[in-house]
Each structure stands twice: as structure tokens, then as C-alpha cells.
Amino acid sequence: MTGVPVAIALGSNLGDREQYLREAIRRLSPDIAGLQLSPLYENDAVGVGEQPPFLNAAASGHTTLSARALLDRLLEVEAEGGRVRTTPGAARTLDLDLILYGDSVIDEPGLVVPHPRFRERRFVLAPLAAVAAGWRDPVTGLTVDALLGRLAD
């Protein structure tokens, strides 16, 4: 497959959560070849106050978009899905995070890859392990599966 391998975390805790996630995958399919979606996981909202539970998933595939262009596309799909950014951590119809972009380590204004907090988030790692268990985090050198295992300790 051509292009850079990418991993994306998806979440929704407002409205028809499953439909928002499935529609996001449909919209991203032209930009990410071989897109694989993990099973859906329901999780309590973490670190964002009193909110409805999230439905979370992860997706992996390959893209020819740059990391910045892919991030822009994710933000566009969020907006198309009704995401309104009122306050940080607010409940949302759709949340799309770029977790991994090949083995790149990027730290630019508005773009940090790997996602800075993915290693401590079970709601990201469990779905990601379902579609990319052997993918190595370019910062720690650990696989997604190993990172998930460290959370169980």
C-alpha cells in the first residue's frame, strides 16, 4: 500500500454516537486507503467533568496527505459532523485525533504527533490495539500492545 501509515482516534458523546463515528469513517475513506475501524468501545468521560459516556474507536490506514493536511481534514470532518468548539473538553458529537503518522515525531504549533497523551489513555489504546497492536510508538519504541499492557499494571 502506498502512502504513510496513520492512526486516528475517534470519539463521540452526544447524539447518535455510533452514526457520527461511522459517518466520519465514510468521509475519511477517500483520504485514507485501506481504512480499518476497530470495534466500538463505550467509556466514561475522563477528565472533562460530568458528561455522557463516550463511544470510542480507532482507525488505521495509509494516506498521501501530509500530517498537517490530514489534521486539517480531520477538523473539517469534525465540523461536518456538527462539532462545535465552545470550551476545551466540552461534550462533542465527534472528536478525531491524529495519534500516529508513520514513524514521524512532529512538534509544531497546532500539530503534535504522536498525540501527546495517547500513551496514558486506555480509551485510545484499547481500540488502537485492535487495528494496530504491533505499531511502534516512535518516541518510546514500545508497541501499542505493550503501551496498553503497561496501563494494566
N, C-alpha and C. Protein backbone atom coordinates (compact mmCIF):
# COMPACT_ATOMS: atom_id res chain seq x y z
N MET A 1 0.84 -1.18 0.00
CA MET A 1 0.00 0.00 0.00
C MET A 1 0.89 1.25 0.00
N THR A 2 0.53 2.23 -0.79
CA THR A 2 1.33 3.45 -0.84
C THR A 2 0.84 4.45 0.19
N GLY A 3 1.70 5.36 0.52
CA GLY A 3 1.36 6.39 1.49
C GLY A 3 1.93 6.07 2.86
N VAL A 4 1.69 6.98 3.76
CA VAL A 4 2.18 6.88 5.13
C VAL A 4 1.12 6.20 5.99
N PRO A 5 1.52 5.23 6.83
CA PRO A 5 0.53 4.66 7.75
C PRO A 5 0.12 5.70 8.79
N VAL A 6 -1.16 5.73 9.10
CA VAL A 6 -1.70 6.68 10.07
C VAL A 6 -2.64 5.96 11.02
N ALA A 7 -2.74 6.52 12.23
CA ALA A 7 -3.69 6.03 13.22
C ALA A 7 -4.47 7.22 13.76
N ILE A 8 -5.78 7.03 13.85
CA ILE A 8 -6.68 8.10 14.28
C ILE A 8 -7.57 7.55 15.40
N ALA A 9 -7.77 8.36 16.43
CA ALA A 9 -8.72 8.03 17.49
C ALA A 9 -10.02 8.77 17.20
N LEU A 10 -11.13 8.09 17.44
CA LEU A 10 -12.45 8.67 17.22
C LEU A 10 -13.26 8.59 18.51
N GLY A 11 -14.05 9.61 18.77
CA GLY A 11 -14.92 9.59 19.94
C GLY A 11 -16.15 10.44 19.70
N SER A 12 -17.22 10.09 20.43
CA SER A 12 -18.47 10.84 20.37
C SER A 12 -19.22 10.62 21.67
N ASN A 13 -19.78 11.70 22.24
CA ASN A 13 -20.62 11.51 23.42
C ASN A 13 -21.90 12.35 23.38
N LEU A 14 -22.31 12.74 22.19
CA LEU A 14 -23.58 13.44 22.01
C LEU A 14 -24.35 12.84 20.84
N GLY A 15 -25.65 12.78 20.95
CA GLY A 15 -26.49 12.35 19.84
C GLY A 15 -26.31 10.88 19.50
N ASP A 16 -26.48 10.55 18.23
CA ASP A 16 -26.32 9.18 17.75
C ASP A 16 -24.83 8.90 17.57
N ARG A 17 -24.19 8.53 18.66
CA ARG A 17 -22.73 8.39 18.70
C ARG A 17 -22.19 7.44 17.64
N GLU A 18 -22.81 6.29 17.50
CA GLU A 18 -22.33 5.31 16.52
C GLU A 18 -22.44 5.87 15.10
N GLN A 19 -23.53 6.53 14.80
CA GLN A 19 -23.71 7.11 13.47
C GLN A 19 -22.65 8.17 13.19
N TYR A 20 -22.34 9.01 14.16
CA TYR A 20 -21.29 10.03 13.96
C TYR A 20 -19.95 9.38 13.65
N LEU A 21 -19.61 8.30 14.37
CA LEU A 21 -18.33 7.63 14.12
C LEU A 21 -18.31 6.97 12.75
N ARG A 22 -19.37 6.30 12.40
CA ARG A 22 -19.41 5.61 11.09
C ARG A 22 -19.41 6.61 9.93
N GLU A 23 -20.08 7.73 10.10
CA GLU A 23 -20.09 8.76 9.07
C GLU A 23 -18.70 9.38 8.92
N ALA A 24 -18.00 9.56 10.02
CA ALA A 24 -16.63 10.10 9.95
C ALA A 24 -15.74 9.17 9.15
N ILE A 25 -15.85 7.87 9.38
CA ILE A 25 -15.05 6.89 8.63
C ILE A 25 -15.40 6.97 7.15
N ARG A 26 -16.69 7.07 6.86
CA ARG A 26 -17.10 7.16 5.45
C ARG A 26 -16.47 8.40 4.80
N ARG A 27 -16.49 9.52 5.50
CA ARG A 27 -15.94 10.77 4.95
C ARG A 27 -14.42 10.72 4.82
N LEU A 28 -13.75 9.98 5.69
CA LEU A 28 -12.30 9.91 5.64
C LEU A 28 -11.78 8.87 4.64
N SER A 29 -12.63 7.95 4.24
CA SER A 29 -12.19 6.86 3.35
C SER A 29 -11.51 7.32 2.06
N PRO A 30 -11.95 8.41 1.41
CA PRO A 30 -11.24 8.83 0.20
C PRO A 30 -9.80 9.33 0.47
N ASP A 31 -9.55 9.74 1.71
CA ASP A 31 -8.24 10.30 2.05
C ASP A 31 -7.30 9.31 2.71
N ILE A 32 -7.86 8.20 3.19
CA ILE A 32 -7.07 7.20 3.91
C ILE A 32 -7.38 5.83 3.30
N ALA A 33 -6.42 5.28 2.57
CA ALA A 33 -6.60 4.00 1.91
C ALA A 33 -6.57 2.86 2.92
N GLY A 34 -7.36 1.83 2.65
CA GLY A 34 -7.35 0.64 3.50
C GLY A 34 -7.78 0.91 4.92
N LEU A 35 -8.67 1.86 5.09
CA LEU A 35 -9.09 2.28 6.43
C LEU A 35 -9.74 1.12 7.17
N GLN A 36 -9.18 0.79 8.33
CA GLN A 36 -9.72 -0.26 9.19
C GLN A 36 -10.23 0.39 10.46
N LEU A 37 -11.46 0.05 10.83
CA LEU A 37 -12.07 0.59 12.04
C LEU A 37 -12.09 -0.49 13.11
N SER A 38 -11.68 -0.13 14.32
CA SER A 38 -11.72 -1.05 15.46
C SER A 38 -13.17 -1.29 15.87
N PRO A 39 -13.35 -2.24 16.77
CA PRO A 39 -14.67 -2.32 17.42
C PRO A 39 -14.93 -1.01 18.17
N LEU A 40 -16.19 -0.76 18.49
CA LEU A 40 -16.57 0.43 19.25
C LEU A 40 -16.55 0.09 20.74
N TYR A 41 -16.04 1.01 21.53
CA TYR A 41 -15.92 0.83 22.97
C TYR A 41 -16.66 1.97 23.68
N GLU A 42 -17.47 1.63 24.67
CA GLU A 42 -18.12 2.67 25.45
C GLU A 42 -17.29 2.93 26.70
N ASN A 43 -17.03 4.20 26.98
CA ASN A 43 -16.20 4.60 28.11
C ASN A 43 -16.81 5.80 28.82
N ASP A 44 -16.60 5.85 30.12
CA ASP A 44 -16.99 7.04 30.87
C ASP A 44 -16.13 8.21 30.39
N ALA A 45 -16.69 9.40 30.43
CA ALA A 45 -15.92 10.61 30.11
C ALA A 45 -14.83 10.77 31.15
N VAL A 46 -13.59 11.03 30.69
CA VAL A 46 -12.43 11.11 31.58
C VAL A 46 -11.86 12.52 31.54
N GLY A 47 -11.73 13.13 32.70
CA GLY A 47 -11.05 14.42 32.80
C GLY A 47 -11.79 15.60 32.21
N VAL A 48 -13.10 15.45 31.98
CA VAL A 48 -13.86 16.54 31.35
C VAL A 48 -15.13 16.89 32.15
N GLY A 49 -15.16 16.48 33.39
CA GLY A 49 -16.32 16.80 34.21
C GLY A 49 -17.48 15.86 33.94
N GLU A 50 -18.65 16.25 34.40
CA GLU A 50 -19.87 15.46 34.27
C GLU A 50 -20.38 15.51 32.84
N GLN A 51 -20.27 14.39 32.12
CA GLN A 51 -20.71 14.31 30.73
C GLN A 51 -21.24 12.92 30.44
N PRO A 52 -22.00 12.79 29.34
CA PRO A 52 -22.44 11.46 28.93
C PRO A 52 -21.23 10.60 28.54
N PRO A 53 -21.39 9.27 28.58
CA PRO A 53 -20.29 8.39 28.19
C PRO A 53 -19.92 8.55 26.71
N PHE A 54 -18.68 8.25 26.43
CA PHE A 54 -18.18 8.30 25.05
C PHE A 54 -18.30 6.94 24.39
N LEU A 55 -18.47 6.97 23.09
CA LEU A 55 -18.26 5.81 22.25
C LEU A 55 -16.94 6.09 21.56
N ASN A 56 -15.97 5.19 21.70
CA ASN A 56 -14.63 5.39 21.14
C ASN A 56 -14.28 4.29 20.17
N ALA A 57 -13.40 4.64 19.23
CA ALA A 57 -12.87 3.68 18.27
C ALA A 57 -11.51 4.21 17.80
N ALA A 58 -10.83 3.39 17.03
CA ALA A 58 -9.60 3.82 16.38
C ALA A 58 -9.65 3.31 14.95
N ALA A 59 -8.92 4.00 14.09
CA ALA A 59 -8.84 3.59 12.69
C ALA A 59 -7.40 3.71 12.24
N SER A 60 -7.04 2.83 11.33
CA SER A 60 -5.70 2.91 10.74
C SER A 60 -5.82 2.69 9.24
N GLY A 61 -4.85 3.22 8.53
CA GLY A 61 -4.80 3.09 7.08
C GLY A 61 -3.57 3.81 6.58
N HIS A 62 -3.56 4.16 5.29
CA HIS A 62 -2.43 4.85 4.67
C HIS A 62 -2.93 6.10 3.94
N THR A 63 -2.15 7.16 4.02
CA THR A 63 -2.54 8.40 3.35
C THR A 63 -1.37 9.01 2.60
N THR A 64 -1.70 9.74 1.55
CA THR A 64 -0.69 10.53 0.83
C THR A 64 -0.72 11.98 1.29
N LEU A 65 -1.65 12.31 2.19
CA LEU A 65 -1.72 13.67 2.73
C LEU A 65 -0.56 13.89 3.70
N SER A 66 -0.09 15.12 3.79
CA SER A 66 0.89 15.47 4.82
C SER A 66 0.18 15.41 6.17
N ALA A 67 0.95 15.38 7.24
CA ALA A 67 0.36 15.35 8.58
C ALA A 67 -0.53 16.57 8.80
N ARG A 68 -0.07 17.74 8.38
CA ARG A 68 -0.85 18.97 8.55
C ARG A 68 -2.14 18.90 7.73
N ALA A 69 -2.05 18.43 6.48
CA ALA A 69 -3.24 18.33 5.64
C ALA A 69 -4.23 17.31 6.21
N LEU A 70 -3.71 16.22 6.78
CA LEU A 70 -4.59 15.23 7.39
C LEU A 70 -5.27 15.82 8.62
N LEU A 71 -4.54 16.53 9.45
CA LEU A 71 -5.15 17.18 10.60
C LEU A 71 -6.25 18.15 10.16
N ASP A 72 -5.97 18.92 9.13
CA ASP A 72 -6.98 19.85 8.61
C ASP A 72 -8.22 19.08 8.15
N ARG A 73 -8.01 17.93 7.53
CA ARG A 73 -9.14 17.12 7.06
C ARG A 73 -9.94 16.58 8.25
N LEU A 74 -9.24 16.15 9.30
CA LEU A 74 -9.93 15.66 10.50
C LEU A 74 -10.80 16.76 11.11
N LEU A 75 -10.26 17.96 11.18
CA LEU A 75 -11.02 19.09 11.73
C LEU A 75 -12.23 19.42 10.85
N GLU A 76 -12.06 19.28 9.54
CA GLU A 76 -13.16 19.52 8.61
C GLU A 76 -14.27 18.49 8.81
N VAL A 77 -13.90 17.23 8.96
CA VAL A 77 -14.89 16.17 9.17
C VAL A 77 -15.59 16.36 10.51
N GLU A 78 -14.84 16.78 11.55
CA GLU A 78 -15.49 17.10 12.83
C GLU A 78 -16.57 18.17 12.64
N ALA A 79 -16.22 19.24 11.95
CA ALA A 79 -17.17 20.33 11.73
C ALA A 79 -18.38 19.84 10.93
N GLU A 80 -18.13 19.03 9.90
CA GLU A 80 -19.23 18.47 9.10
C GLU A 80 -20.13 17.59 9.97
N GLY A 81 -19.55 17.00 11.02
CA GLY A 81 -20.31 16.16 11.94
C GLY A 81 -20.97 16.93 13.07
N GLY A 82 -20.95 18.25 12.97
CA GLY A 82 -21.64 19.07 13.95
C GLY A 82 -20.83 19.45 15.17
N ARG A 83 -19.53 19.20 15.14
CA ARG A 83 -18.69 19.57 16.29
C ARG A 83 -18.61 21.08 16.41
N VAL A 84 -18.92 21.57 17.59
CA VAL A 84 -18.79 22.99 17.90
C VAL A 84 -17.83 23.09 19.07
N ARG A 85 -16.78 23.86 18.90
CA ARG A 85 -15.77 24.01 19.96
C ARG A 85 -16.13 25.21 20.83
N THR A 86 -16.85 24.93 21.91
CA THR A 86 -17.25 26.01 22.82
C THR A 86 -16.17 26.23 23.88
N THR A 87 -15.88 25.20 24.65
CA THR A 87 -14.83 25.26 25.67
C THR A 87 -14.01 23.98 25.58
N PRO A 88 -12.75 24.02 26.00
CA PRO A 88 -11.95 22.79 25.99
C PRO A 88 -12.62 21.70 26.82
N GLY A 89 -12.67 20.50 26.25
CA GLY A 89 -13.25 19.38 26.96
C GLY A 89 -14.76 19.30 26.93
N ALA A 90 -15.43 20.20 26.19
CA ALA A 90 -16.90 20.18 26.12
C ALA A 90 -17.37 18.89 25.45
N ALA A 91 -18.58 18.47 25.78
CA ALA A 91 -19.18 17.32 25.12
C ALA A 91 -19.19 17.58 23.61
N ARG A 92 -19.14 16.50 22.84
CA ARG A 92 -19.00 16.69 21.39
C ARG A 92 -19.66 15.57 20.60
N THR A 93 -20.16 15.95 19.44
CA THR A 93 -20.72 14.96 18.53
C THR A 93 -19.60 14.10 17.95
N LEU A 94 -18.43 14.70 17.75
CA LEU A 94 -17.34 13.99 17.08
C LEU A 94 -16.01 14.57 17.50
N ASP A 95 -15.08 13.68 17.81
CA ASP A 95 -13.71 14.07 18.16
C ASP A 95 -12.78 13.16 17.38
N LEU A 96 -11.93 13.73 16.55
CA LEU A 96 -10.97 12.98 15.74
C LEU A 96 -9.57 13.47 16.07
N ASP A 97 -8.72 12.56 16.53
CA ASP A 97 -7.35 12.92 16.88
C ASP A 97 -6.36 12.12 16.04
N LEU A 98 -5.38 12.82 15.49
CA LEU A 98 -4.29 12.16 14.78
C LEU A 98 -3.33 11.63 15.85
N ILE A 99 -3.24 10.32 15.96
CA ILE A 99 -2.43 9.69 17.01
C ILE A 99 -1.02 9.40 16.50
N LEU A 100 -0.91 8.74 15.38
CA LEU A 100 0.39 8.37 14.80
C LEU A 100 0.39 8.67 13.31
N TYR A 101 1.54 9.14 12.84
CA TYR A 101 1.73 9.43 11.42
C TYR A 101 3.06 8.78 11.04
N GLY A 102 2.97 7.53 10.57
CA GLY A 102 4.19 6.77 10.28
C GLY A 102 5.05 6.71 11.53
N ASP A 103 6.35 6.89 11.34
CA ASP A 103 7.25 6.93 12.49
C ASP A 103 7.70 8.37 12.77
N SER A 104 6.90 9.32 12.32
CA SER A 104 7.22 10.74 12.48
C SER A 104 7.01 11.22 13.91
N VAL A 105 7.89 12.12 14.32
CA VAL A 105 7.73 12.87 15.56
C VAL A 105 7.66 14.32 15.14
N ILE A 106 6.49 14.95 15.35
CA ILE A 106 6.23 16.31 14.89
C ILE A 106 5.82 17.16 16.08
N ASP A 107 6.41 18.32 16.21
CA ASP A 107 6.03 19.25 17.27
C ASP A 107 6.03 20.65 16.67
N GLU A 108 4.87 21.04 16.15
CA GLU A 108 4.68 22.35 15.52
C GLU A 108 3.48 23.01 16.18
N PRO A 109 3.34 24.30 16.04
CA PRO A 109 2.14 24.94 16.58
C PRO A 109 0.87 24.28 16.01
N GLY A 110 0.03 23.78 16.91
CA GLY A 110 -1.23 23.16 16.49
C GLY A 110 -1.13 21.73 16.01
N LEU A 111 0.08 21.14 15.98
CA LEU A 111 0.24 19.77 15.49
C LEU A 111 1.36 19.08 16.26
N VAL A 112 0.96 18.13 17.10
CA VAL A 112 1.93 17.33 17.85
C VAL A 112 1.61 15.86 17.58
N VAL A 113 2.58 15.15 17.01
CA VAL A 113 2.44 13.74 16.68
C VAL A 113 3.71 13.03 17.12
N PRO A 114 3.63 11.90 17.81
CA PRO A 114 2.42 11.24 18.28
C PRO A 114 1.61 12.14 19.21
N HIS A 115 0.33 11.83 19.29
CA HIS A 115 -0.54 12.60 20.18
C HIS A 115 0.07 12.56 21.58
N PRO A 116 0.20 13.72 22.23
CA PRO A 116 0.97 13.77 23.48
C PRO A 116 0.41 12.96 24.65
N ARG A 117 -0.87 12.63 24.65
CA ARG A 117 -1.43 11.92 25.79
C ARG A 117 -1.95 10.52 25.45
N PHE A 118 -1.69 10.04 24.24
CA PHE A 118 -2.29 8.77 23.86
C PHE A 118 -1.75 7.60 24.69
N ARG A 119 -0.52 7.69 25.17
CA ARG A 119 0.09 6.58 25.91
C ARG A 119 -0.58 6.31 27.26
N GLU A 120 -1.30 7.29 27.79
CA GLU A 120 -1.94 7.10 29.10
C GLU A 120 -3.44 6.97 29.00
N ARG A 121 -3.96 6.80 27.81
CA ARG A 121 -5.41 6.76 27.62
C ARG A 121 -5.87 5.38 27.13
N ARG A 122 -6.45 4.63 28.04
CA ARG A 122 -6.97 3.30 27.68
C ARG A 122 -8.02 3.42 26.58
N PHE A 123 -8.83 4.50 26.61
CA PHE A 123 -9.90 4.65 25.62
C PHE A 123 -9.34 4.89 24.21
N VAL A 124 -8.04 5.21 24.10
CA VAL A 124 -7.37 5.29 22.80
C VAL A 124 -6.63 3.99 22.51
N LEU A 125 -5.87 3.50 23.49
CA LEU A 125 -5.01 2.34 23.26
C LEU A 125 -5.78 1.04 23.04
N ALA A 126 -6.88 0.82 23.75
CA ALA A 126 -7.62 -0.44 23.57
C ALA A 126 -8.16 -0.56 22.14
N PRO A 127 -8.85 0.47 21.61
CA PRO A 127 -9.29 0.35 20.22
C PRO A 127 -8.12 0.31 19.23
N LEU A 128 -7.07 1.08 19.51
CA LEU A 128 -5.92 1.11 18.60
C LEU A 128 -5.24 -0.25 18.55
N ALA A 129 -5.18 -0.95 19.68
CA ALA A 129 -4.57 -2.28 19.71
C ALA A 129 -5.35 -3.26 18.84
N ALA A 130 -6.64 -3.02 18.65
CA ALA A 130 -7.46 -3.91 17.82
C ALA A 130 -7.11 -3.79 16.33
N VAL A 131 -6.56 -2.65 15.90
CA VAL A 131 -6.24 -2.46 14.47
C VAL A 131 -4.75 -2.26 14.20
N ALA A 132 -3.96 -2.02 15.25
CA ALA A 132 -2.53 -1.74 15.04
C ALA A 132 -1.70 -2.11 16.27
N ALA A 133 -1.91 -3.32 16.79
CA ALA A 133 -1.26 -3.75 18.04
C ALA A 133 0.26 -3.70 17.96
N GLY A 134 0.82 -4.01 16.80
CA GLY A 134 2.27 -4.08 16.66
C GLY A 134 2.95 -2.78 16.27
N TRP A 135 2.17 -1.73 16.06
CA TRP A 135 2.74 -0.44 15.66
C TRP A 135 3.59 0.12 16.79
N ARG A 136 4.80 0.55 16.47
CA ARG A 136 5.71 1.09 17.49
C ARG A 136 5.57 2.60 17.61
N ASP A 137 5.43 3.03 18.85
CA ASP A 137 5.44 4.45 19.17
C ASP A 137 6.86 4.95 18.89
N PRO A 138 7.03 5.94 17.99
CA PRO A 138 8.37 6.39 17.64
C PRO A 138 9.12 7.09 18.77
N VAL A 139 8.41 7.45 19.83
CA VAL A 139 9.07 8.11 20.97
C VAL A 139 9.60 7.09 21.96
N THR A 140 8.76 6.13 22.37
CA THR A 140 9.17 5.15 23.38
C THR A 140 9.74 3.87 22.79
N GLY A 141 9.42 3.59 21.52
CA GLY A 141 9.84 2.34 20.91
C GLY A 141 8.95 1.17 21.28
N LEU A 142 7.95 1.40 22.12
CA LEU A 142 7.04 0.34 22.55
C LEU A 142 5.90 0.17 21.55
N THR A 143 5.42 -1.06 21.42
CA THR A 143 4.26 -1.29 20.56
C THR A 143 3.00 -0.78 21.25
N VAL A 144 1.97 -0.58 20.46
CA VAL A 144 0.67 -0.17 21.02
C VAL A 144 0.22 -1.20 22.05
N ASP A 145 0.39 -2.48 21.74
CA ASP A 145 0.00 -3.54 22.66
C ASP A 145 0.77 -3.44 23.98
N ALA A 146 2.07 -3.15 23.91
CA ALA A 146 2.88 -3.01 25.13
C ALA A 146 2.46 -1.79 25.92
N LEU A 147 2.16 -0.68 25.23
CA LEU A 147 1.68 0.51 25.93
C LEU A 147 0.38 0.23 26.66
N LEU A 148 -0.51 -0.50 26.01
CA LEU A 148 -1.78 -0.88 26.65
C LEU A 148 -1.51 -1.77 27.85
N GLY A 149 -0.59 -2.71 27.72
CA GLY A 149 -0.25 -3.61 28.82
C GLY A 149 0.31 -2.87 30.02
N ARG A 150 1.05 -1.81 29.78
CA ARG A 150 1.60 -1.01 30.88
C ARG A 150 0.49 -0.34 31.68
N LEU A 151 -0.63 -0.01 31.05
CA LEU A 151 -1.74 0.60 31.78
C LEU A 151 -2.40 -0.39 32.72
N ALA A 152 -2.32 -1.67 32.39
CA ALA A 152 -2.96 -2.70 33.22
C ALA A 152 -2.20 -2.92 34.52
N ASP A 153 -0.93 -2.52 34.56
CA ASP A 153 -0.11 -2.73 35.76
C ASP A 153 -0.54 -1.85 36.90
